[in-house]
Amino acid sequence: MSICLQSNGFSFSVTSTSGLLLTFGEVTVDLAQPMSALIADIKSFFAAHHIYPVEFKSMRLVLDSGCYVWIPDALYDAAQNRRYLETVARIPASSMVLSAAHPLLGARLVYAADATLTTSFKVALPGIDCCIRPFALLGKDLLQRAAHHPVIVAHLLSDPLRGSAAIDYLVLRDGGLTLSTHRTVNGGRQMLYTSLSVMKQMQVETDDMEFLLCGAVERELFMQLRGYFPRLDLYNGAPHRALNPQLARLHTYRHAAILA
């Protein structure tokens, strides 16, 4: 089971070990309420739908964070987690510092996450693992695609054409991760300039590059960017099969982080 936090609650998916998407849902819940009330709401929702932690081989909570840094396994020291983050960003006062090992990359992601939200889900769903969106997106599917040509992934947390938007960029080439960065943009034009800047920084040419969008992507923005990126496409997460026709019609690119 994968759970991904949203501004008004969370989405979740249940997938079989063979890659069959069994269940998907979006839940509205007040994430700003006291911890005890939030834990009770999470428990009651899953209990009402007969979904219990002991039923799953693995559970993952995908958190939102723009404060993170990748550390190679050979250089990583757990005692230095906070120091790693403090060298690249200011850690929010309400956050806790966590880390997650990525076996495919041979690196560990150190990040800050809201302490109340993280603790609430850990208490409500014992045994759940935590990570953030860039980590969740970096699965075997993307790394295999990047073995043949450069790949840039932009995960939008909101629509830039409707105001300020946060974007997680991933740049992959030669089957590995080259860049992982969190940016904030205002409007489609600034997103275009930011995307071109990321490409230039990583010395990636548009003709060779596959540019993948996911998250809060609207048709208007997609059409604007298509004129500049000839290999623009939507990223739908890891390949999966749906249990029923309703799930097959799901706009999976909006939920790539929990389907990857």
C-alpha atoms as a PDB file:
ATOM      1  CA  MET A   1       0.000   0.000   0.000  1.00  0.00           C
ATOM      2  CA  SER A   2       1.178   3.505  -0.826  1.00  0.00           C
ATOM      3  CA  ILE A   3      -0.191   6.711   0.696  1.00  0.00           C
ATOM      4  CA  CYS A   4       0.564  10.189  -0.600  1.00  0.00           C
ATOM      5  CA  LEU A   5      -0.262  13.346   1.337  1.00  0.00           C
ATOM      6  CA  GLN A   6      -2.274  16.091  -0.366  1.00  0.00           C
ATOM      7  CA  SER A   7      -3.300  19.571   0.758  1.00  0.00           C
ATOM      8  CA  ASN A   8      -6.763  18.387   1.858  1.00  0.00           C
ATOM      9  CA  GLY A   9      -5.992  14.824   2.920  1.00  0.00           C
ATOM     10  CA  PHE A  10      -4.332  11.907   1.197  1.00  0.00           C
ATOM     11  CA  SER A  11      -4.591   9.490  -1.708  1.00  0.00           C
ATOM     12  CA  PHE A  12      -3.789   5.804  -1.446  1.00  0.00           C
ATOM     13  CA  SER A  13      -3.320   2.784  -3.647  1.00  0.00           C
ATOM     14  CA  VAL A  14      -3.134  -0.949  -3.038  1.00  0.00           C
ATOM     15  CA  THR A  15      -1.140  -3.000  -5.544  1.00  0.00           C
ATOM     16  CA  SER A  16      -0.523  -6.743  -5.710  1.00  0.00           C
ATOM     17  CA  THR A  17       3.015  -8.120  -5.841  1.00  0.00           C
ATOM     18  CA  SER A  18       2.399  -8.939  -9.528  1.00  0.00           C
ATOM     19  CA  GLY A  19       1.706  -5.282 -10.385  1.00  0.00           C
ATOM     20  CA  LEU A  20      -2.100  -5.374 -10.373  1.00  0.00           C
ATOM     21  CA  LEU A  21      -3.689  -2.139  -9.124  1.00  0.00           C
ATOM     22  CA  LEU A  22      -6.367  -3.371  -6.716  1.00  0.00           C
ATOM     23  CA  THR A  23      -7.647  -0.185  -5.086  1.00  0.00           C
ATOM     24  CA  PHE A  24      -7.220   3.563  -5.375  1.00  0.00           C
ATOM     25  CA  GLY A  25      -8.878   6.280  -3.316  1.00  0.00           C
ATOM     26  CA  GLU A  26      -8.698   9.918  -2.263  1.00  0.00           C
ATOM     27  CA  VAL A  27      -9.585  10.807   1.307  1.00  0.00           C
ATOM     28  CA  THR A  28     -10.496  14.248   2.643  1.00  0.00           C
ATOM     29  CA  VAL A  29      -9.234  14.767   6.169  1.00  0.00           C
ATOM     30  CA  ASP A  30      -8.106  17.786   8.184  1.00  0.00           C
ATOM     31  CA  LEU A  31      -4.330  17.364   8.357  1.00  0.00           C
ATOM     32  CA  ALA A  32      -4.017  20.422  10.605  1.00  0.00           C
ATOM     33  CA  GLN A  33      -5.989  18.941  13.511  1.00  0.00           C
ATOM     34  CA  PRO A  34      -4.301  17.752  16.727  1.00  0.00           C
ATOM     35  CA  MET A  35      -2.288  14.550  16.481  1.00  0.00           C
ATOM     36  CA  SER A  36      -4.699  12.455  18.554  1.00  0.00           C
ATOM     37  CA  ALA A  37      -7.663  13.407  16.347  1.00  0.00           C
ATOM     38  CA  LEU A  38      -5.698  12.812  13.144  1.00  0.00           C
ATOM     39  CA  ILE A  39      -4.572   9.370  14.306  1.00  0.00           C
ATOM     40  CA  ALA A  40      -8.183   8.488  15.157  1.00  0.00           C
ATOM     41  CA  ASP A  41      -9.413   9.646  11.718  1.00  0.00           C
ATOM     42  CA  ILE A  42      -6.744   7.632   9.870  1.00  0.00           C
ATOM     43  CA  LYS A  43      -7.460   4.488  11.885  1.00  0.00           C
ATOM     44  CA  SER A  44     -11.229   4.796  11.523  1.00  0.00           C
ATOM     45  CA  PHE A  45     -11.076   5.304   7.760  1.00  0.00           C
ATOM     46  CA  PHE A  46      -8.972   2.221   7.060  1.00  0.00           C
ATOM     47  CA  ALA A  47     -10.894   0.115   9.590  1.00  0.00           C
ATOM     48  CA  ALA A  48     -14.213   1.141   7.979  1.00  0.00           C
ATOM     49  CA  HIS A  49     -12.865  -0.085   4.610  1.00  0.00           C
ATOM     50  CA  HIS A  50     -11.432  -3.279   6.146  1.00  0.00           C
ATOM     51  CA  ILE A  51      -7.849  -2.283   5.310  1.00  0.00           C
ATOM     52  CA  TYR A  52      -5.397  -3.349   8.016  1.00  0.00           C
ATOM     53  CA  PRO A  53      -1.571  -2.944   8.242  1.00  0.00           C
ATOM     54  CA  VAL A  54      -0.968  -6.662   8.864  1.00  0.00           C
ATOM     55  CA  GLU A  55      -2.359  -7.473   5.408  1.00  0.00           C
ATOM     56  CA  PHE A  56       0.454  -5.812   3.470  1.00  0.00           C
ATOM     57  CA  LYS A  57       3.917  -6.913   2.458  1.00  0.00           C
ATOM     58  CA  SER A  58       4.970  -3.262   2.556  1.00  0.00           C
ATOM     59  CA  MET A  59       3.446   0.152   3.283  1.00  0.00           C
ATOM     60  CA  ARG A  60       4.847   3.488   2.181  1.00  0.00           C
ATOM     61  CA  LEU A  61       3.925   7.047   3.108  1.00  0.00           C
ATOM     62  CA  VAL A  62       4.989   9.651   0.536  1.00  0.00           C
ATOM     63  CA  LEU A  63       5.501  13.012   2.238  1.00  0.00           C
ATOM     64  CA  ASP A  64       5.890  16.518   0.837  1.00  0.00           C
ATOM     65  CA  SER A  65       9.227  18.227   1.462  1.00  0.00           C
ATOM     66  CA  GLY A  66      11.376  20.739  -0.359  1.00  0.00           C
ATOM     67  CA  CYS A  67      14.176  20.346   2.185  1.00  0.00           C
ATOM     68  CA  TYR A  68      16.327  17.356   1.258  1.00  0.00           C
ATOM     69  CA  VAL A  69      19.776  16.216   0.174  1.00  0.00           C
ATOM     70  CA  TRP A  70      21.188  12.990  -1.324  1.00  0.00           C
ATOM     71  CA  ILE A  71      24.223  11.385   0.350  1.00  0.00           C
ATOM     72  CA  PRO A  72      26.177   8.477  -1.239  1.00  0.00           C
ATOM     73  CA  ASP A  73      26.118   5.363   0.922  1.00  0.00           C
ATOM     74  CA  ALA A  74      29.926   5.373   1.208  1.00  0.00           C
ATOM     75  CA  LEU A  75      29.856   8.844   2.791  1.00  0.00           C
ATOM     76  CA  TYR A  76      26.713   8.541   4.885  1.00  0.00           C
ATOM     77  CA  ASP A  77      26.802   8.833   8.674  1.00  0.00           C
ATOM     78  CA  ALA A  78      23.409   8.669  10.439  1.00  0.00           C
ATOM     79  CA  ALA A  79      24.656  10.908  13.241  1.00  0.00           C
ATOM     80  CA  GLN A  80      25.165  13.734  10.723  1.00  0.00           C
ATOM     81  CA  ASN A  81      21.606  13.852   9.296  1.00  0.00           C
ATOM     82  CA  ARG A  82      20.721  17.296  10.620  1.00  0.00           C
ATOM     83  CA  ARG A  83      24.104  18.687   9.651  1.00  0.00           C
ATOM     84  CA  TYR A  84      23.684  17.413   6.076  1.00  0.00           C
ATOM     85  CA  LEU A  85      20.410  19.310   5.748  1.00  0.00           C
ATOM     86  CA  GLU A  86      21.613  22.474   7.442  1.00  0.00           C
ATOM     87  CA  THR A  87      24.300  22.886   4.780  1.00  0.00           C
ATOM     88  CA  VAL A  88      21.689  23.180   1.995  1.00  0.00           C
ATOM     89  CA  ALA A  89      18.497  24.576   3.549  1.00  0.00           C
ATOM     90  CA  ARG A  90      16.833  25.958   6.646  1.00  0.00           C
ATOM     91  CA  ILE A  91      15.038  23.183   8.512  1.00  0.00           C
ATOM     92  CA  PRO A  92      11.458  24.216   9.454  1.00  0.00           C
ATOM     93  CA  ALA A  93      10.890  24.381  13.204  1.00  0.00           C
ATOM     94  CA  SER A  94       7.939  21.956  13.072  1.00  0.00           C
ATOM     95  CA  SER A  95       9.883  19.311  11.169  1.00  0.00           C
ATOM     96  CA  MET A  96      11.717  16.131  12.038  1.00  0.00           C
ATOM     97  CA  VAL A  97      14.771  14.925  10.123  1.00  0.00           C
ATOM     98  CA  LEU A  98      14.479  11.493   8.518  1.00  0.00           C
ATOM     99  CA  SER A  99      16.382   9.430   5.975  1.00  0.00           C
ATOM    100  CA  ALA A 100      15.597   6.682   3.482  1.00  0.00           C
ATOM    101  CA  ALA A 101      18.006   4.317   1.732  1.00  0.00           C
ATOM    102  CA  HIS A 102      17.568   3.924  -2.032  1.00  0.00           C
ATOM    103  CA  PRO A 103      19.019   0.516  -2.977  1.00  0.00           C
ATOM    104  CA  LEU A 104      18.941   1.150  -6.744  1.00  0.00           C
ATOM    105  CA  LEU A 105      21.010   4.335  -6.438  1.00  0.00           C
ATOM    106  CA  GLY A 106      23.376   3.314  -3.650  1.00  0.00           C
ATOM    107  CA  ALA A 107      22.506   6.541  -1.855  1.00  0.00           C
ATOM    108  CA  ARG A 108      20.436   7.803   1.045  1.00  0.00           C
ATOM    109  CA  LEU A 109      17.984  10.701   0.955  1.00  0.00           C
ATOM    110  CA  VAL A 110      18.016  12.875   4.078  1.00  0.00           C
ATOM    111  CA  TYR A 111      14.962  15.125   4.399  1.00  0.00           C
ATOM    112  CA  ALA A 112      12.818  17.210   6.740  1.00  0.00           C
ATOM    113  CA  ALA A 113       9.142  16.328   7.167  1.00  0.00           C
ATOM    114  CA  ASP A 114       6.266  17.657   9.255  1.00  0.00           C
ATOM    115  CA  ALA A 115       6.630  15.968  12.634  1.00  0.00           C
ATOM    116  CA  THR A 116       2.911  15.808  13.476  1.00  0.00           C
ATOM    117  CA  LEU A 117       1.841  14.305  10.151  1.00  0.00           C
ATOM    118  CA  THR A 118       4.671  11.794  10.039  1.00  0.00           C
ATOM    119  CA  THR A 119       4.151  10.625  13.610  1.00  0.00           C
ATOM    120  CA  SER A 120       0.375  10.398  13.162  1.00  0.00           C
ATOM    121  CA  PHE A 121       0.647   7.992  10.232  1.00  0.00           C
ATOM    122  CA  LYS A 122       3.383   5.962  11.906  1.00  0.00           C
ATOM    123  CA  VAL A 123       1.194   5.487  14.985  1.00  0.00           C
ATOM    124  CA  ALA A 124      -2.006   4.812  13.018  1.00  0.00           C
ATOM    125  CA  LEU A 125      -0.317   2.385  10.591  1.00  0.00           C
ATOM    126  CA  PRO A 126       2.510   0.611  12.464  1.00  0.00           C
ATOM    127  CA  GLY A 127       5.364  -0.496  10.229  1.00  0.00           C
ATOM    128  CA  ILE A 128       4.816   2.080   7.488  1.00  0.00           C
ATOM    129  CA  ASP A 129       7.963   3.371   5.744  1.00  0.00           C
ATOM    130  CA  CYS A 130       8.341   7.052   4.870  1.00  0.00           C
ATOM    131  CA  CYS A 131       9.899   8.898   1.955  1.00  0.00           C
ATOM    132  CA  ILE A 132       9.304  12.020  -0.119  1.00  0.00           C
ATOM    133  CA  ARG A 133       8.167  12.405  -3.739  1.00  0.00           C
ATOM    134  CA  PRO A 134      11.576  12.475  -5.496  1.00  0.00           C
ATOM    135  CA  PHE A 135      12.518   9.243  -3.731  1.00  0.00           C
ATOM    136  CA  ALA A 136       9.194   7.580  -4.606  1.00  0.00           C
ATOM    137  CA  LEU A 137       9.441   8.514  -8.297  1.00  0.00           C
ATOM    138  CA  LEU A 138      12.937   7.061  -8.698  1.00  0.00           C
ATOM    139  CA  GLY A 139      11.978   3.485  -9.436  1.00  0.00           C
ATOM    140  CA  LYS A 140      13.409   0.868 -11.770  1.00  0.00           C
ATOM    141  CA  ASP A 141      11.225   2.062 -14.667  1.00  0.00           C
ATOM    142  CA  LEU A 142      12.749   5.556 -14.806  1.00  0.00           C
ATOM    143  CA  LEU A 143      16.309   4.339 -14.336  1.00  0.00           C
ATOM    144  CA  GLN A 144      15.914   1.880 -17.199  1.00  0.00           C
ATOM    145  CA  ARG A 145      14.579   4.614 -19.479  1.00  0.00           C
ATOM    146  CA  ALA A 146      17.534   6.833 -18.594  1.00  0.00           C
ATOM    147  CA  ALA A 147      19.989   4.123 -19.649  1.00  0.00           C
ATOM    148  CA  HIS A 148      19.261   4.962 -23.301  1.00  0.00           C
ATOM    149  CA  HIS A 149      18.793   8.756 -23.253  1.00  0.00           C
ATOM    150  CA  PRO A 150      18.613  11.627 -20.732  1.00  0.00           C
ATOM    151  CA  VAL A 151      15.311  11.907 -18.860  1.00  0.00           C
ATOM    152  CA  ILE A 152      13.993  14.928 -16.960  1.00  0.00           C
ATOM    153  CA  VAL A 153      10.976  14.477 -14.698  1.00  0.00           C
ATOM    154  CA  ALA A 154       9.021  17.443 -13.354  1.00  0.00           C
ATOM    155  CA  HIS A 155       6.508  16.648 -10.612  1.00  0.00           C
ATOM    156  CA  LEU A 156       4.124  19.579 -10.094  1.00  0.00           C
ATOM    157  CA  LEU A 157       2.501  20.006  -6.702  1.00  0.00           C
ATOM    158  CA  SER A 158       0.064  22.563  -8.154  1.00  0.00           C
ATOM    159  CA  ASP A 159      -0.721  24.180 -11.512  1.00  0.00           C
ATOM    160  CA  PRO A 160       1.752  27.032 -12.298  1.00  0.00           C
ATOM    161  CA  LEU A 161      -0.856  28.725 -14.517  1.00  0.00           C
ATOM    162  CA  ARG A 162      -3.030  29.282 -11.434  1.00  0.00           C
ATOM    163  CA  GLY A 163      -0.320  30.891  -9.296  1.00  0.00           C
ATOM    164  CA  SER A 164       2.787  29.868  -7.407  1.00  0.00           C
ATOM    165  CA  ALA A 165       3.717  26.200  -7.796  1.00  0.00           C
ATOM    166  CA  ALA A 166       6.377  23.940  -6.290  1.00  0.00           C
ATOM    167  CA  ILE A 167       8.124  21.502  -8.621  1.00  0.00           C
ATOM    168  CA  ASP A 168      10.429  18.582  -7.947  1.00  0.00           C
ATOM    169  CA  TYR A 169      12.886  18.061 -10.826  1.00  0.00           C
ATOM    170  CA  LEU A 170      14.805  14.865 -11.444  1.00  0.00           C
ATOM    171  CA  VAL A 171      17.505  14.611 -14.110  1.00  0.00           C
ATOM    172  CA  LEU A 172      18.647  11.097 -15.044  1.00  0.00           C
ATOM    173  CA  ARG A 173      21.239   9.955 -17.546  1.00  0.00           C
ATOM    174  CA  ASP A 174      23.343   6.835 -18.130  1.00  0.00           C
ATOM    175  CA  GLY A 175      20.983   4.919 -15.864  1.00  0.00           C
ATOM    176  CA  GLY A 176      21.665   7.072 -12.795  1.00  0.00           C
ATOM    177  CA  LEU A 177      20.535  10.221 -11.007  1.00  0.00           C
ATOM    178  CA  THR A 178      22.344  13.423 -12.015  1.00  0.00           C
ATOM    179  CA  LEU A 179      20.251  16.088 -10.266  1.00  0.00           C
ATOM    180  CA  SER A 180      17.376  16.255  -7.799  1.00  0.00           C
ATOM    181  CA  THR A 181      16.111  19.720  -6.921  1.00  0.00           C
ATOM    182  CA  HIS A 182      13.019  21.495  -5.583  1.00  0.00           C
ATOM    183  CA  ARG A 183      12.010  24.782  -7.238  1.00  0.00           C
ATOM    184  CA  THR A 184       9.157  27.284  -6.879  1.00  0.00           C
ATOM    185  CA  VAL A 185       7.796  29.050  -9.968  1.00  0.00           C
ATOM    186  CA  ASN A 186       5.141  31.655 -10.712  1.00  0.00           C
ATOM    187  CA  GLY A 187       3.384  30.997 -14.003  1.00  0.00           C
ATOM    188  CA  GLY A 188       4.000  28.846 -17.038  1.00  0.00           C
ATOM    189  CA  ARG A 189       6.682  31.113 -18.496  1.00  0.00           C
ATOM    190  CA  GLN A 190       8.805  30.902 -15.357  1.00  0.00           C
ATOM    191  CA  MET A 191       8.397  27.133 -15.362  1.00  0.00           C
ATOM    192  CA  LEU A 192       9.660  27.092 -18.949  1.00  0.00           C
ATOM    193  CA  TYR A 193      12.712  29.181 -18.039  1.00  0.00           C
ATOM    194  CA  THR A 194      13.381  27.041 -14.951  1.00  0.00           C
ATOM    195  CA  SER A 195      13.158  23.824 -16.986  1.00  0.00           C
ATOM    196  CA  LEU A 196      15.527  25.188 -19.625  1.00  0.00           C
ATOM    197  CA  SER A 197      17.908  26.331 -16.867  1.00  0.00           C
ATOM    198  CA  VAL A 198      17.933  22.835 -15.328  1.00  0.00           C
ATOM    199  CA  MET A 199      18.725  21.370 -18.757  1.00  0.00           C
ATOM    200  CA  LYS A 200      21.530  23.836 -19.369  1.00  0.00           C
ATOM    201  CA  GLN A 201      22.989  23.217 -15.914  1.00  0.00           C
ATOM    202  CA  MET A 202      23.104  19.480 -16.604  1.00  0.00           C
ATOM    203  CA  GLN A 203      24.240  19.956 -20.248  1.00  0.00           C
ATOM    204  CA  VAL A 204      21.213  18.144 -21.657  1.00  0.00           C
ATOM    205  CA  GLU A 205      20.075  18.796 -25.242  1.00  0.00           C
ATOM    206  CA  THR A 206      16.343  18.956 -26.020  1.00  0.00           C
ATOM    207  CA  ASP A 207      16.611  16.667 -29.071  1.00  0.00           C
ATOM    208  CA  ASP A 208      18.128  13.874 -26.979  1.00  0.00           C
ATOM    209  CA  MET A 209      16.054  14.379 -23.847  1.00  0.00           C
ATOM    210  CA  GLU A 210      12.745  12.878 -22.781  1.00  0.00           C
ATOM    211  CA  PHE A 211      10.810  15.409 -20.675  1.00  0.00           C
ATOM    212  CA  LEU A 212       8.154  13.831 -18.440  1.00  0.00           C
ATOM    213  CA  LEU A 213       5.488  15.715 -16.492  1.00  0.00           C
ATOM    214  CA  CYS A 214       3.409  14.384 -13.622  1.00  0.00           C
ATOM    215  CA  GLY A 215       1.337  15.656 -10.733  1.00  0.00           C
ATOM    216  CA  ALA A 216      -0.944  18.679 -11.171  1.00  0.00           C
ATOM    217  CA  VAL A 217      -0.527  18.934 -14.959  1.00  0.00           C
ATOM    218  CA  GLU A 218      -3.304  20.661 -16.898  1.00  0.00           C
ATOM    219  CA  ARG A 219      -3.802  20.542 -20.669  1.00  0.00           C
ATOM    220  CA  GLU A 220      -3.069  24.275 -21.145  1.00  0.00           C
ATOM    221  CA  LEU A 221       0.354  24.010 -19.529  1.00  0.00           C
ATOM    222  CA  PHE A 222       1.161  20.809 -21.419  1.00  0.00           C
ATOM    223  CA  MET A 223       0.362  22.463 -24.744  1.00  0.00           C
ATOM    224  CA  GLN A 224       2.517  25.500 -23.904  1.00  0.00           C
ATOM    225  CA  LEU A 225       5.540  23.366 -23.073  1.00  0.00           C
ATOM    226  CA  ARG A 226       5.129  21.051 -26.050  1.00  0.00           C
ATOM    227  CA  GLY A 227       6.357  23.735 -28.428  1.00  0.00           C
ATOM    228  CA  TYR A 228       9.734  23.795 -26.666  1.00  0.00           C
ATOM    229  CA  PHE A 229      10.259  20.144 -25.782  1.00  0.00           C
ATOM    230  CA  PRO A 230       9.756  17.784 -28.752  1.00  0.00           C
ATOM    231  CA  ARG A 231       9.802  14.670 -26.543  1.00  0.00           C
ATOM    232  CA  LEU A 232       7.354  15.927 -23.923  1.00  0.00           C
ATOM    233  CA  ASP A 233       5.088  13.301 -22.355  1.00  0.00           C
ATOM    234  CA  LEU A 234       3.176  12.454 -19.182  1.00  0.00           C
ATOM    235  CA  TYR A 235       4.727  10.103 -16.634  1.00  0.00           C
ATOM    236  CA  ASN A 236       2.269   7.582 -15.219  1.00  0.00           C
ATOM    237  CA  GLY A 237       4.460   5.817 -12.696  1.00  0.00           C
ATOM    238  CA  ALA A 238       5.558   2.213 -13.007  1.00  0.00           C
ATOM    239  CA  PRO A 239       3.653   0.050 -15.525  1.00  0.00           C
ATOM    240  CA  HIS A 240       0.646  -1.587 -13.901  1.00  0.00           C
ATOM    241  CA  ARG A 241      -2.550  -3.436 -14.766  1.00  0.00           C
ATOM    242  CA  ALA A 242      -5.884  -2.348 -13.325  1.00  0.00           C
ATOM    243  CA  LEU A 243      -8.264  -4.715 -11.538  1.00  0.00           C
ATOM    244  CA  ASN A 244     -11.374  -3.155 -13.080  1.00  0.00           C
ATOM    245  CA  PRO A 245     -12.322  -0.658 -15.860  1.00  0.00           C
ATOM    246  CA  GLN A 246     -12.824   2.180 -13.378  1.00  0.00           C
ATOM    247  CA  LEU A 247      -9.219   1.960 -12.237  1.00  0.00           C
ATOM    248  CA  ALA A 248      -8.063   1.675 -15.864  1.00  0.00           C
ATOM    249  CA  ARG A 249      -9.531   5.146 -16.504  1.00  0.00           C
ATOM    250  CA  LEU A 250      -7.563   6.713 -13.650  1.00  0.00           C
ATOM    251  CA  HIS A 251      -5.372   9.680 -14.666  1.00  0.00           C
ATOM    252  CA  THR A 252      -2.314   7.947 -13.307  1.00  0.00           C
ATOM    253  CA  TYR A 253       0.106  10.778 -14.124  1.00  0.00           C
ATOM    254  CA  ARG A 254      -1.573  12.805 -11.367  1.00  0.00           C
ATOM    255  CA  HIS A 255      -0.629  10.104  -8.865  1.00  0.00           C
ATOM    256  CA  ALA A 256       2.727   8.945 -10.227  1.00  0.00           C
ATOM    257  CA  ALA A 257       4.410   9.219  -6.826  1.00  0.00           C
ATOM    258  CA  ILE A 258       2.263   6.482  -5.284  1.00  0.00           C
ATOM    259  CA  LEU A 259       2.118   4.344  -8.448  1.00  0.00           C
ATOM    260  CA  ALA A 260       5.855   4.379  -9.187  1.00  0.00           C
END
